[in-house]
Amino acid sequence: MITVWIILFILLIIGFTSFVTIRQGTIGVVTVFGKYRRILLPGLNFKIPLIEVLYSRISIQNRSVELEFQAVTVDQANVYFKAMLLYSVLNQSEEAIKAVAFKFVDERNLMQALVRTVEGSIRAYVATKRQSDVLILRREIVEHVKEQIDNILEGWGYHLQDLQLNDITFDDVIMKSMSQVVASNNLKAAAENEGQALLITKTKAAEAEGNAIKIAAEAERQASQLRGQGVALFREEVAKGMTVAAKEMHQADMDTSVILFTMWTEAIKHFSENSKGNVIFLDGSAENMERTMKEMMSLNMLHNAGNKQV
């Protein structure tokens, strides 16, 4: 009876050890007497009890690690990097899983080799560049590292997904000098922009002043032209009026010098009404009035003689 119970117990243990569960995102590696046998996919798997052994579980999920290291440029400037490395198992093929399971003794040795390989690739690239060029070469550095270590990682069963250079700094003295260069360039650009703005402002002001002068000159020209036309029309109407008045007075057998006298008095009246405070001195004596009338009559006679000759 005891023997039966022992046999049942042994069979129960064998039954429990014949099945193994592999979690999602994980690949199981099975060995037989220490030699690679096969891989187990996620889910419930059967293995030969007491012969097949689950050697390890390989995660095929993405992994990340942060790096901090120093490099030296060709002009002997220290550059400090902070980076994030994202990597994963190359694929779920049997060869890739075998490489991941057996290339390194443990996970610590893998991480040490991976980190040192990435750091060495970046240091070798930075050593060929000048300090002033490093900040603008982030993308080139990442592409160089991927190109250099992809083949190495594939031999280990891994693939570099991404490398992000989160921070690139220099020694304090270099950082201060770079800040001063940036500040001086900004001041230079600001001065150039201010000069351009001032030039544009003065140019526009000069153009506006020139246009105003042109407009004022054109307005003055048109006003002068209109004033001349008004004076010409006025003179024409006065001449017509005087001609009609002279004819009527001649028909009435009256002296035409009365017209000249009337014009002279009207002119004096106009001067007094529109002088705006100006003083006009006229000799109002009888002798002067007589002399003025004689002069006006002489001018009138000359004008009439000229008209008759025409």
Protein backbone atom coordinates (compact mmCIF):
# COMPACT_ATOMS: atom_id res chain seq x y z
CA MET A 1 0.00 0.00 0.00
CA ILE A 2 2.83 2.38 0.84
CA THR A 3 4.49 1.50 -2.45
CA VAL A 4 1.36 2.48 -4.34
CA TRP A 5 1.24 5.84 -2.61
CA ILE A 6 4.88 6.43 -3.42
CA ILE A 7 4.27 5.59 -7.08
CA LEU A 8 1.27 7.91 -7.19
CA PHE A 9 3.30 10.71 -5.59
CA ILE A 10 6.10 10.25 -8.14
CA LEU A 11 3.62 10.28 -11.02
CA LEU A 12 2.01 13.43 -9.63
CA ILE A 13 5.36 15.20 -9.45
CA ILE A 14 6.22 14.07 -12.98
CA GLY A 15 2.84 15.32 -14.22
CA PHE A 16 3.31 18.74 -12.64
CA THR A 17 6.88 19.07 -13.96
CA SER A 18 5.84 18.07 -17.48
CA PHE A 19 4.07 21.38 -18.14
CA VAL A 20 5.47 24.86 -18.04
CA THR A 21 3.83 28.26 -18.64
CA ILE A 22 5.64 30.94 -20.65
CA ARG A 23 4.35 34.51 -20.19
CA GLN A 24 3.49 36.83 -23.08
CA GLY A 25 6.53 38.79 -24.30
CA THR A 26 8.86 36.00 -23.19
CA ILE A 27 10.54 33.06 -24.95
CA GLY A 28 11.62 29.95 -23.01
CA VAL A 29 14.92 28.18 -23.74
CA VAL A 30 15.03 24.42 -23.06
CA THR A 31 18.22 22.35 -22.64
CA VAL A 32 18.84 18.63 -22.32
CA PHE A 33 21.72 17.70 -20.06
CA GLY A 34 23.13 21.22 -20.51
CA LYS A 35 22.81 21.30 -24.33
CA TYR A 36 20.39 23.54 -26.22
CA ARG A 37 17.25 21.64 -27.24
CA ARG A 38 14.48 24.01 -28.35
CA ILE A 39 12.49 27.17 -27.56
CA LEU A 40 9.09 27.47 -25.93
CA LEU A 41 6.59 30.08 -27.13
CA PRO A 42 4.19 31.98 -24.81
CA GLY A 43 1.44 29.82 -23.33
CA LEU A 44 1.26 26.32 -21.81
CA ASN A 45 4.05 24.04 -23.08
CA PHE A 46 4.96 20.37 -22.50
CA LYS A 47 8.47 19.25 -21.72
CA ILE A 48 9.95 15.87 -21.00
CA PRO A 49 10.20 15.60 -17.22
CA LEU A 50 13.56 15.00 -15.60
CA ILE A 51 15.25 15.31 -19.01
CA GLU A 52 14.35 18.71 -20.50
CA VAL A 53 15.15 21.71 -18.32
CA LEU A 54 13.90 25.26 -18.72
CA TYR A 55 17.28 27.01 -18.96
CA SER A 56 16.07 30.63 -19.11
CA ARG A 57 13.25 32.94 -20.05
CA ILE A 58 14.23 35.57 -22.65
CA SER A 59 12.24 38.82 -22.71
CA ILE A 60 11.54 40.06 -26.23
CA GLN A 61 10.18 43.39 -24.99
CA ASN A 62 11.98 46.70 -25.48
CA ARG A 63 14.54 47.66 -22.83
CA SER A 64 16.12 51.01 -22.00
CA VAL A 65 19.21 52.14 -20.15
CA GLU A 66 20.55 55.61 -19.31
CA LEU A 67 24.17 56.51 -20.05
CA GLU A 68 26.45 59.26 -18.72
CA PHE A 69 29.96 59.53 -20.10
CA GLN A 70 32.65 61.94 -21.26
CA ALA A 71 34.35 62.43 -24.63
CA VAL A 72 37.16 64.68 -25.88
CA THR A 73 37.05 66.64 -29.16
CA VAL A 74 39.91 67.09 -31.60
CA ASP A 75 40.63 70.54 -30.07
CA GLN A 76 40.88 69.00 -26.57
CA ALA A 77 37.49 70.14 -25.23
CA ASN A 78 35.68 67.89 -22.74
CA VAL A 79 32.13 66.98 -23.79
CA TYR A 80 29.69 65.41 -21.33
CA PHE A 81 26.85 63.27 -22.67
CA LYS A 82 23.62 62.07 -21.11
CA ALA A 83 21.90 59.56 -23.34
CA MET A 84 19.08 57.03 -23.36
CA LEU A 85 19.60 53.70 -25.13
CA LEU A 86 16.59 51.69 -26.35
CA TYR A 87 17.22 48.12 -27.54
CA SER A 88 15.45 44.78 -27.90
CA VAL A 89 15.91 41.18 -29.03
CA LEU A 90 16.52 41.10 -32.78
CA ASN A 91 13.54 38.81 -33.50
CA GLN A 92 11.89 35.59 -32.27
CA SER A 93 13.90 33.30 -34.52
CA GLU A 94 15.68 30.35 -32.95
CA GLU A 95 19.13 31.65 -33.87
CA ALA A 96 18.51 35.05 -32.29
CA ILE A 97 17.14 33.49 -29.09
CA LYS A 98 20.12 31.12 -28.87
CA ALA A 99 22.53 34.07 -29.21
CA VAL A 100 20.75 36.02 -26.48
CA ALA A 101 20.70 32.99 -24.15
CA PHE A 102 24.29 31.84 -24.52
CA LYS A 103 26.50 34.77 -25.69
CA PHE A 104 26.91 36.26 -22.21
CA VAL A 105 27.22 34.75 -18.78
CA ASP A 106 24.50 36.93 -17.34
CA GLU A 107 22.54 40.16 -17.88
CA ARG A 108 25.14 42.30 -16.10
CA ASN A 109 27.88 41.32 -18.54
CA LEU A 110 25.58 42.05 -21.48
CA MET A 111 24.79 45.55 -20.19
CA GLN A 112 28.46 46.30 -19.56
CA ALA A 113 29.43 45.29 -23.10
CA LEU A 114 26.50 47.18 -24.65
CA VAL A 115 27.18 50.41 -22.76
CA ARG A 116 30.90 50.35 -23.39
CA THR A 117 30.38 49.67 -27.09
CA VAL A 118 28.04 52.66 -27.49
CA GLU A 119 30.30 54.94 -25.47
CA GLY A 120 33.36 53.88 -27.46
CA SER A 121 31.62 54.54 -30.78
CA ILE A 122 30.54 58.05 -29.71
CA ARG A 123 33.98 58.88 -28.29
CA ALA A 124 35.68 57.79 -31.52
CA TYR A 125 33.33 59.98 -33.58
CA VAL A 126 33.60 63.04 -31.32
CA ALA A 127 37.40 62.79 -31.31
CA THR A 128 37.37 63.75 -35.02
CA LYS A 129 35.18 66.85 -34.53
CA ARG A 130 35.75 70.31 -33.14
CA GLN A 131 34.04 71.55 -30.01
CA SER A 132 32.02 74.15 -31.94
CA ASP A 133 30.58 71.44 -34.23
CA VAL A 134 29.43 68.91 -31.63
CA LEU A 135 26.17 70.62 -30.65
CA ILE A 136 24.85 70.60 -34.21
CA LEU A 137 25.81 66.97 -34.86
CA ARG A 138 23.27 65.13 -32.68
CA ARG A 139 21.61 63.36 -35.59
CA GLU A 140 24.95 62.54 -37.22
CA ILE A 141 26.26 61.05 -33.97
CA VAL A 142 23.18 58.84 -33.58
CA GLU A 143 23.37 57.65 -37.18
CA HIS A 144 27.09 56.92 -36.80
CA VAL A 145 26.53 54.86 -33.65
CA LYS A 146 23.73 52.82 -35.22
CA GLU A 147 25.81 52.15 -38.30
CA GLN A 148 28.84 51.10 -36.24
CA ILE A 149 27.26 48.80 -33.65
CA ASP A 150 24.23 47.30 -35.44
CA ASN A 151 26.32 44.44 -36.82
CA ILE A 152 27.88 43.82 -33.40
CA LEU A 153 24.50 43.76 -31.67
CA GLU A 154 23.06 41.40 -34.30
CA GLY A 155 25.81 38.93 -33.42
CA TRP A 156 24.59 39.12 -29.83
CA GLY A 157 20.96 38.68 -30.88
CA TYR A 158 19.95 42.29 -30.20
CA HIS A 159 18.95 45.36 -32.21
CA LEU A 160 19.47 49.04 -31.32
CA GLN A 161 16.03 50.66 -31.56
CA ASP A 162 16.98 54.22 -30.70
CA LEU A 163 19.69 56.39 -29.17
CA GLN A 164 18.69 59.76 -27.74
CA LEU A 165 21.32 62.30 -26.74
CA ASN A 166 19.32 64.14 -24.10
CA ASP A 167 22.05 66.50 -22.92
CA ILE A 168 25.41 67.66 -24.30
CA THR A 169 27.45 69.99 -22.09
CA PHE A 170 31.00 71.31 -21.83
CA ASP A 171 33.24 72.62 -19.07
CA ASP A 172 32.02 75.78 -17.33
CA VAL A 173 34.66 77.97 -18.99
CA ILE A 174 33.62 76.79 -22.44
CA MET A 175 29.92 77.20 -21.65
CA LYS A 176 30.50 80.79 -20.51
CA SER A 177 32.51 81.64 -23.61
CA MET A 178 29.81 80.11 -25.82
CA SER A 179 27.16 82.16 -24.00
CA GLN A 180 29.20 85.31 -24.58
CA VAL A 181 29.50 84.51 -28.28
CA VAL A 182 25.76 83.97 -28.54
CA ALA A 183 25.06 87.18 -26.63
CA SER A 184 27.41 89.22 -28.84
CA ASN A 185 25.83 87.75 -31.98
CA ASN A 186 22.38 88.63 -30.66
CA LEU A 187 23.50 92.20 -29.93
CA LYS A 188 24.98 92.47 -33.40
CA ALA A 189 21.77 91.18 -34.98
CA ALA A 190 19.69 93.56 -32.84
CA ALA A 191 21.86 96.52 -33.88
CA GLU A 192 21.58 95.56 -37.54
CA ASN A 193 17.80 95.23 -37.24
CA GLU A 194 17.56 98.58 -35.46
CA GLY A 195 19.67 100.22 -38.18
CA GLN A 196 17.50 98.72 -40.89
CA ALA A 197 14.35 99.87 -39.11
CA LEU A 198 15.74 103.41 -38.72
CA LEU A 199 16.75 103.48 -42.38
CA ILE A 200 13.29 102.34 -43.45
CA THR A 201 11.64 104.93 -41.18
CA LYS A 202 13.76 107.79 -42.53
CA THR A 203 13.28 106.62 -46.10
CA LYS A 204 9.52 106.51 -45.68
CA ALA A 205 9.53 109.94 -43.99
CA ALA A 206 11.58 111.40 -46.84
CA GLU A 207 9.24 109.84 -49.40
CA ALA A 208 6.21 111.23 -47.55
CA GLU A 209 7.80 114.69 -47.34
CA GLY A 210 8.67 114.59 -51.05
CA ASN A 211 5.14 113.54 -51.96
CA ALA A 212 3.74 116.34 -49.76
CA ILE A 213 5.98 118.89 -51.50
CA LYS A 214 4.89 117.58 -54.90
CA ILE A 215 1.22 117.75 -53.93
CA ALA A 216 1.60 121.28 -52.49
CA ALA A 217 3.46 122.45 -55.60
CA GLU A 218 0.81 120.97 -57.88
CA ALA A 219 -1.94 122.60 -55.82
CA GLU A 220 -0.15 125.96 -55.91
CA ARG A 221 0.33 125.65 -59.67
CA GLN A 222 -3.35 124.90 -60.19
CA ALA A 223 -4.33 127.75 -57.84
CA SER A 224 -2.10 130.19 -59.69
CA GLN A 225 -3.54 129.04 -62.98
CA LEU A 226 -7.08 129.53 -61.68
CA ARG A 227 -6.22 132.95 -60.27
CA GLY A 228 -4.75 133.98 -63.62
CA GLN A 229 -7.84 132.77 -65.41
CA GLY A 230 -10.02 134.69 -62.94
CA VAL A 231 -8.04 137.90 -63.41
CA ALA A 232 -8.19 137.51 -67.20
CA LEU A 233 -11.96 137.01 -67.08
CA PHE A 234 -12.29 140.00 -64.76
CA ARG A 235 -10.28 142.19 -67.10
CA GLU A 236 -12.27 140.96 -70.07
CA GLU A 237 -15.54 141.81 -68.36
CA VAL A 238 -14.25 145.21 -67.27
CA ALA A 239 -13.15 145.96 -70.81
CA LYS A 240 -16.53 144.95 -72.16
CA GLY A 241 -18.29 147.10 -69.58
CA MET A 242 -16.09 150.10 -70.30
CA THR A 243 -16.61 149.67 -74.06
CA VAL A 244 -20.39 149.66 -73.66
CA ALA A 245 -20.32 152.62 -71.25
CA ALA A 246 -18.06 154.61 -73.57
CA LYS A 247 -20.37 154.02 -76.53
CA GLU A 248 -23.43 155.08 -74.56
CA MET A 249 -21.69 158.24 -73.27
CA HIS A 250 -20.45 159.08 -76.78
CA GLN A 251 -23.95 158.73 -78.16
CA ALA A 252 -25.20 161.01 -75.34
CA ASP A 253 -22.45 163.51 -76.22
CA MET A 254 -20.85 163.17 -72.72
CA ASP A 255 -17.19 163.33 -71.74
CA THR A 256 -15.79 159.76 -71.43
CA SER A 257 -13.25 160.87 -68.81
CA VAL A 258 -16.05 160.44 -66.28
CA ILE A 259 -15.56 156.67 -66.64
CA LEU A 260 -11.90 156.98 -65.76
CA PHE A 261 -12.76 159.13 -62.76
CA THR A 262 -15.32 156.57 -61.61
CA MET A 263 -12.81 153.73 -61.96
CA TRP A 264 -10.25 155.71 -59.99
CA THR A 265 -12.66 156.35 -57.14
CA GLU A 266 -13.83 152.73 -57.14
CA ALA A 267 -10.24 151.59 -56.91
CA ILE A 268 -9.61 153.84 -53.90
CA LYS A 269 -12.79 152.51 -52.29
CA HIS A 270 -11.64 148.93 -52.89
CA PHE A 271 -8.24 149.68 -51.35
CA SER A 272 -9.81 151.13 -48.23
CA GLU A 273 -12.25 148.27 -47.76
CA ASN A 274 -9.76 145.42 -48.30
CA SER A 275 -6.51 146.88 -47.01
CA LYS A 276 -6.65 144.80 -43.74
CA GLY A 277 -5.07 147.56 -41.69
CA ASN A 278 -2.45 148.62 -44.27
CA VAL A 279 -2.04 152.37 -44.85
CA ILE A 280 -2.19 153.80 -48.39
CA PHE A 281 -1.07 157.39 -48.85
CA LEU A 282 -2.84 159.29 -51.67
CA ASP A 283 -2.61 162.94 -52.59
CA GLY A 284 -6.26 164.11 -52.49
CA SER A 285 -5.59 167.74 -53.48
CA ALA A 286 -7.38 169.35 -56.41
CA GLU A 287 -4.10 169.78 -58.30
CA ASN A 288 -3.21 166.10 -57.95
CA MET A 289 -6.70 164.98 -58.92
CA GLU A 290 -6.49 167.18 -62.03
CA ARG A 291 -3.05 165.81 -62.91
CA THR A 292 -4.27 162.23 -62.42
CA MET A 293 -7.30 162.82 -64.63
CA LYS A 294 -5.09 164.28 -67.39
CA GLU A 295 -2.78 161.26 -67.25
CA MET A 296 -5.69 158.83 -67.40
CA MET A 297 -7.26 160.75 -70.31
CA SER A 298 -3.91 160.68 -72.15
CA LEU A 299 -3.70 156.91 -71.70
CA ASN A 300 -7.26 156.55 -72.91
CA MET A 301 -6.55 158.64 -76.00
CA LEU A 302 -3.47 156.55 -76.82
CA HIS A 303 -5.53 153.40 -76.41
CA ASN A 304 -8.27 154.70 -78.73
CA ALA A 305 -5.71 155.80 -81.34
CA GLY A 306 -4.19 152.37 -81.29
CA ASN A 307 -7.56 150.72 -81.79
CA LYS A 308 -8.32 153.00 -84.79
CA GLN A 309 -5.00 152.09 -86.47
CA VAL A 310 -5.78 148.41 -86.04
